[in-house]
C-alpha cells in the first residue's frame, strides 16, 4: 500500500507561521525539543532533545517567521550565516 503524502489541512497557516513550534516561546532556554546552547544577535541555537543524529543542533532565526533562510533579506542573511559560536 502506498503512503499518503498529502500536506496537512493547515499547511498554509503553518508555512505563514501560525503556531510555529520554533517561534513559540522565543528566547527560552528550554524548549520542548531542545536546550539553548547559543544566544546570538540574529539567532539562537538549541541542542536537540530527540535528535536525528547525536549532537544535532538547530538554529532559530530571531526575527520574523521564515520557513527557509532563502526568505531572509541580504542583510539578514549575512547576519544569519555569519554566526560563529564560541
N, C-alpha and C. Protein backbone atom coordinates (compact mmCIF):
# COMPACT_ATOMS: atom_id res chain seq x y z
N UNK A 1 0.84 -1.17 0.00
CA UNK A 1 0.00 0.00 0.00
C UNK A 1 0.89 1.24 0.00
N UNK A 2 0.58 2.19 -0.84
CA UNK A 2 1.36 3.43 -0.95
C UNK A 2 1.06 4.35 0.23
N UNK A 3 2.09 5.06 0.66
CA UNK A 3 1.92 6.02 1.76
C UNK A 3 1.15 7.24 1.27
N UNK A 4 0.41 7.84 2.16
CA UNK A 4 -0.36 9.05 1.86
C UNK A 4 0.53 10.26 2.12
N UNK A 5 0.89 10.99 1.08
CA UNK A 5 1.83 12.11 1.21
C UNK A 5 1.17 13.46 0.97
N UNK A 6 -0.07 13.61 1.39
CA UNK A 6 -0.75 14.90 1.24
C UNK A 6 -0.28 15.85 2.34
N UNK A 7 -0.32 17.15 2.02
CA UNK A 7 0.01 18.16 3.01
C UNK A 7 -1.08 18.21 4.06
N UNK A 8 -0.71 18.61 5.27
CA UNK A 8 -1.69 18.77 6.35
C UNK A 8 -2.72 19.83 5.95
N UNK A 9 -3.92 19.70 6.47
CA UNK A 9 -5.00 20.65 6.16
C UNK A 9 -4.60 22.08 6.47
N UNK A 10 -3.81 22.28 7.51
CA UNK A 10 -3.43 23.64 7.92
C UNK A 10 -2.05 24.04 7.40
N UNK A 11 -1.63 23.45 6.29
CA UNK A 11 -0.30 23.70 5.75
C UNK A 11 -0.02 25.19 5.51
N UNK A 12 -0.94 25.90 4.87
CA UNK A 12 -0.72 27.32 4.57
C UNK A 12 -0.54 28.13 5.85
N UNK A 13 -1.33 27.82 6.87
CA UNK A 13 -1.20 28.52 8.15
C UNK A 13 0.15 28.21 8.79
N UNK A 14 0.57 26.95 8.73
CA UNK A 14 1.88 26.57 9.29
C UNK A 14 3.00 27.31 8.59
N UNK A 15 2.96 27.33 7.26
CA UNK A 15 4.02 27.98 6.49
C UNK A 15 4.07 29.48 6.77
N UNK A 16 2.93 30.08 7.09
CA UNK A 16 2.90 31.51 7.38
C UNK A 16 3.34 31.82 8.81
N UNK A 17 3.49 30.77 9.65
CA UNK A 17 4.00 30.97 11.00
C UNK A 17 2.99 30.78 12.11
N UNK A 18 1.74 30.48 11.77
CA UNK A 18 0.72 30.27 12.81
C UNK A 18 1.11 29.07 13.67
N UNK A 19 1.19 29.28 14.95
CA UNK A 19 1.53 28.20 15.91
C UNK A 19 2.85 27.52 15.56
N UNK A 20 3.83 28.29 15.18
CA UNK A 20 5.14 27.73 14.83
C UNK A 20 5.86 27.29 16.10
N UNK A 21 6.21 26.03 16.18
CA UNK A 21 6.90 25.50 17.34
C UNK A 21 8.28 26.10 17.56
N UNK A 22 8.90 26.58 16.50
CA UNK A 22 10.21 27.19 16.65
C UNK A 22 10.10 28.65 17.09
N UNK A 23 9.05 29.33 16.65
CA UNK A 23 8.85 30.73 17.03
C UNK A 23 8.21 30.87 18.41
N UNK A 24 7.40 29.88 18.79
CA UNK A 24 6.77 29.93 20.11
C UNK A 24 7.84 29.99 21.18
N UNK A 25 7.58 30.67 22.22
CA UNK A 25 8.48 30.87 23.37
C UNK A 25 9.90 31.27 22.95
N UNK A 26 9.96 32.21 21.99
CA UNK A 26 11.25 32.71 21.50
C UNK A 26 12.09 33.22 22.66
N UNK A 27 13.34 32.85 22.68
CA UNK A 27 14.26 33.29 23.72
C UNK A 27 14.31 32.39 24.94
N UNK A 28 13.53 31.35 24.94
CA UNK A 28 13.51 30.42 26.07
C UNK A 28 14.80 29.60 26.12
N UNK A 29 15.29 29.34 27.33
CA UNK A 29 16.46 28.48 27.47
C UNK A 29 16.13 27.02 27.22
N UNK A 30 14.90 26.65 27.51
CA UNK A 30 14.45 25.27 27.32
C UNK A 30 13.19 25.26 26.48
N UNK A 31 13.24 24.53 25.38
CA UNK A 31 12.07 24.32 24.53
C UNK A 31 11.72 22.84 24.60
N UNK A 32 10.56 22.50 24.12
CA UNK A 32 10.13 21.10 24.16
C UNK A 32 11.13 20.18 23.45
N UNK A 33 11.76 20.70 22.42
CA UNK A 33 12.64 19.84 21.62
C UNK A 33 14.13 20.13 21.77
N UNK A 34 14.51 21.02 22.71
CA UNK A 34 15.93 21.28 22.87
C UNK A 34 16.28 22.28 23.95
N UNK A 35 17.57 22.36 24.22
CA UNK A 35 18.13 23.26 25.23
C UNK A 35 19.02 24.27 24.52
N UNK A 36 18.83 25.56 24.84
CA UNK A 36 19.63 26.58 24.17
C UNK A 36 21.09 26.46 24.58
N UNK A 37 21.95 26.42 23.58
CA UNK A 37 23.39 26.35 23.82
C UNK A 37 24.12 27.57 23.26
N UNK A 38 23.39 28.41 22.53
CA UNK A 38 23.97 29.63 21.97
C UNK A 38 22.88 30.69 21.85
N UNK A 39 23.21 31.90 22.30
CA UNK A 39 22.30 33.03 22.15
C UNK A 39 23.05 34.13 21.41
N UNK A 40 22.58 34.47 20.23
CA UNK A 40 23.25 35.47 19.42
C UNK A 40 22.33 36.63 19.08
N UNK A 41 22.88 37.58 18.37
CA UNK A 41 22.10 38.75 17.94
C UNK A 41 21.01 38.35 16.95
N UNK A 42 21.35 37.47 16.01
CA UNK A 42 20.44 37.11 14.93
C UNK A 42 19.73 35.78 15.17
N UNK A 43 20.36 34.89 15.90
CA UNK A 43 19.84 33.53 16.04
C UNK A 43 20.09 32.98 17.44
N UNK A 44 19.35 31.95 17.77
CA UNK A 44 19.62 31.11 18.94
C UNK A 44 19.84 29.70 18.42
N UNK A 45 20.66 28.92 19.12
CA UNK A 45 20.89 27.54 18.72
C UNK A 45 20.51 26.61 19.87
N UNK A 46 19.90 25.50 19.53
CA UNK A 46 19.40 24.54 20.52
C UNK A 46 19.94 23.15 20.22
N UNK A 47 20.42 22.50 21.27
CA UNK A 47 20.83 21.10 21.17
C UNK A 47 19.56 20.27 21.27
N UNK A 48 19.31 19.46 20.25
CA UNK A 48 18.07 18.71 20.18
C UNK A 48 17.94 17.64 21.26
N UNK A 49 16.75 17.56 21.85
CA UNK A 49 16.46 16.51 22.83
C UNK A 49 16.21 15.17 22.16
N UNK A 50 15.65 15.20 20.96
CA UNK A 50 15.31 13.99 20.22
C UNK A 50 15.94 14.09 18.83
N UNK A 51 17.26 14.14 18.77
CA UNK A 51 17.93 14.45 17.51
C UNK A 51 17.86 13.32 16.48
N UNK A 52 17.93 13.72 15.22
CA UNK A 52 18.04 12.74 14.15
C UNK A 52 19.43 12.12 14.15
N UNK A 53 20.40 12.84 14.68
CA UNK A 53 21.77 12.37 14.85
C UNK A 53 22.27 12.90 16.20
N UNK A 54 23.12 12.17 16.86
CA UNK A 54 23.70 12.61 18.13
C UNK A 54 24.39 13.96 17.93
N UNK A 55 24.10 14.90 18.81
CA UNK A 55 24.71 16.22 18.73
C UNK A 55 24.01 17.18 17.78
N UNK A 56 22.86 16.79 17.24
CA UNK A 56 22.13 17.65 16.30
C UNK A 56 21.74 18.96 16.96
N UNK A 57 22.05 20.07 16.30
CA UNK A 57 21.73 21.41 16.79
C UNK A 57 20.87 22.09 15.73
N UNK A 58 19.83 22.78 16.16
CA UNK A 58 19.05 23.55 15.22
C UNK A 58 19.12 25.02 15.58
N UNK A 59 19.14 25.86 14.55
CA UNK A 59 19.32 27.30 14.70
C UNK A 59 18.00 27.98 14.36
N UNK A 60 17.57 28.88 15.24
CA UNK A 60 16.30 29.56 15.06
C UNK A 60 16.54 31.05 14.84
N UNK A 61 16.01 31.56 13.76
CA UNK A 61 16.07 32.97 13.41
C UNK A 61 15.29 33.76 14.45
N UNK A 62 15.84 34.87 14.93
CA UNK A 62 15.20 35.65 15.99
C UNK A 62 14.27 36.74 15.46
N UNK A 63 14.23 36.94 14.17
CA UNK A 63 13.33 37.95 13.60
C UNK A 63 11.96 37.37 13.33
N UNK A 64 11.33 37.85 12.29
CA UNK A 64 10.00 37.37 11.91
C UNK A 64 10.07 35.89 11.52
N UNK A 65 8.93 35.26 11.40
CA UNK A 65 8.88 33.86 10.99
C UNK A 65 9.35 33.71 9.55
N UNK A 66 10.25 32.78 9.32
CA UNK A 66 10.65 32.40 7.96
C UNK A 66 10.68 30.87 7.91
N UNK A 67 10.33 30.32 6.77
CA UNK A 67 10.37 28.87 6.61
C UNK A 67 11.75 28.39 6.19
N UNK A 68 12.45 29.21 5.45
CA UNK A 68 13.78 28.86 4.94
C UNK A 68 14.67 30.09 4.97
N UNK A 69 15.98 29.91 5.14
CA UNK A 69 16.89 31.07 5.13
C UNK A 69 16.83 31.87 3.83
N UNK A 70 16.37 31.26 2.75
CA UNK A 70 16.27 31.98 1.48
C UNK A 70 15.24 33.10 1.53
N UNK A 71 14.39 33.13 2.57
CA UNK A 71 13.38 34.17 2.73
C UNK A 71 13.94 35.41 3.43
N UNK A 72 15.18 35.36 3.88
CA UNK A 72 15.81 36.49 4.56
C UNK A 72 16.29 37.52 3.55
N UNK A 73 16.32 38.79 3.97
CA UNK A 73 16.88 39.84 3.12
C UNK A 73 18.40 39.63 3.05
N UNK A 74 19.06 40.36 2.21
CA UNK A 74 20.52 40.23 2.10
C UNK A 74 21.20 40.53 3.44
N UNK A 75 20.76 41.59 4.12
CA UNK A 75 21.35 41.96 5.40
C UNK A 75 21.09 40.87 6.45
N UNK A 76 19.86 40.40 6.51
CA UNK A 76 19.50 39.34 7.46
C UNK A 76 20.28 38.06 7.17
N UNK A 77 20.39 37.73 5.91
CA UNK A 77 21.11 36.52 5.51
C UNK A 77 22.58 36.61 5.92
N UNK A 78 23.18 37.78 5.73
CA UNK A 78 24.58 37.96 6.14
C UNK A 78 24.72 37.74 7.64
N UNK A 79 23.77 38.25 8.43
CA UNK A 79 23.79 38.04 9.88
C UNK A 79 23.58 36.59 10.25
N UNK A 80 22.65 35.94 9.59
CA UNK A 80 22.35 34.53 9.87
C UNK A 80 23.57 33.65 9.63
N UNK A 81 24.20 33.80 8.48
CA UNK A 81 25.31 32.92 8.11
C UNK A 81 26.64 33.32 8.74
N UNK A 82 26.72 34.53 9.33
CA UNK A 82 27.97 34.97 9.95
C UNK A 82 28.10 34.51 11.40
N UNK A 83 27.09 33.85 11.93
CA UNK A 83 27.12 33.41 13.34
C UNK A 83 28.27 32.43 13.54
N UNK A 84 29.09 32.74 14.54
CA UNK A 84 30.22 31.87 14.88
C UNK A 84 30.23 31.66 16.38
N UNK A 85 29.53 30.62 16.85
CA UNK A 85 29.52 30.35 18.29
C UNK A 85 30.93 30.16 18.83
N UNK A 86 31.14 30.58 20.05
CA UNK A 86 32.47 30.45 20.67
C UNK A 86 32.53 29.24 21.53
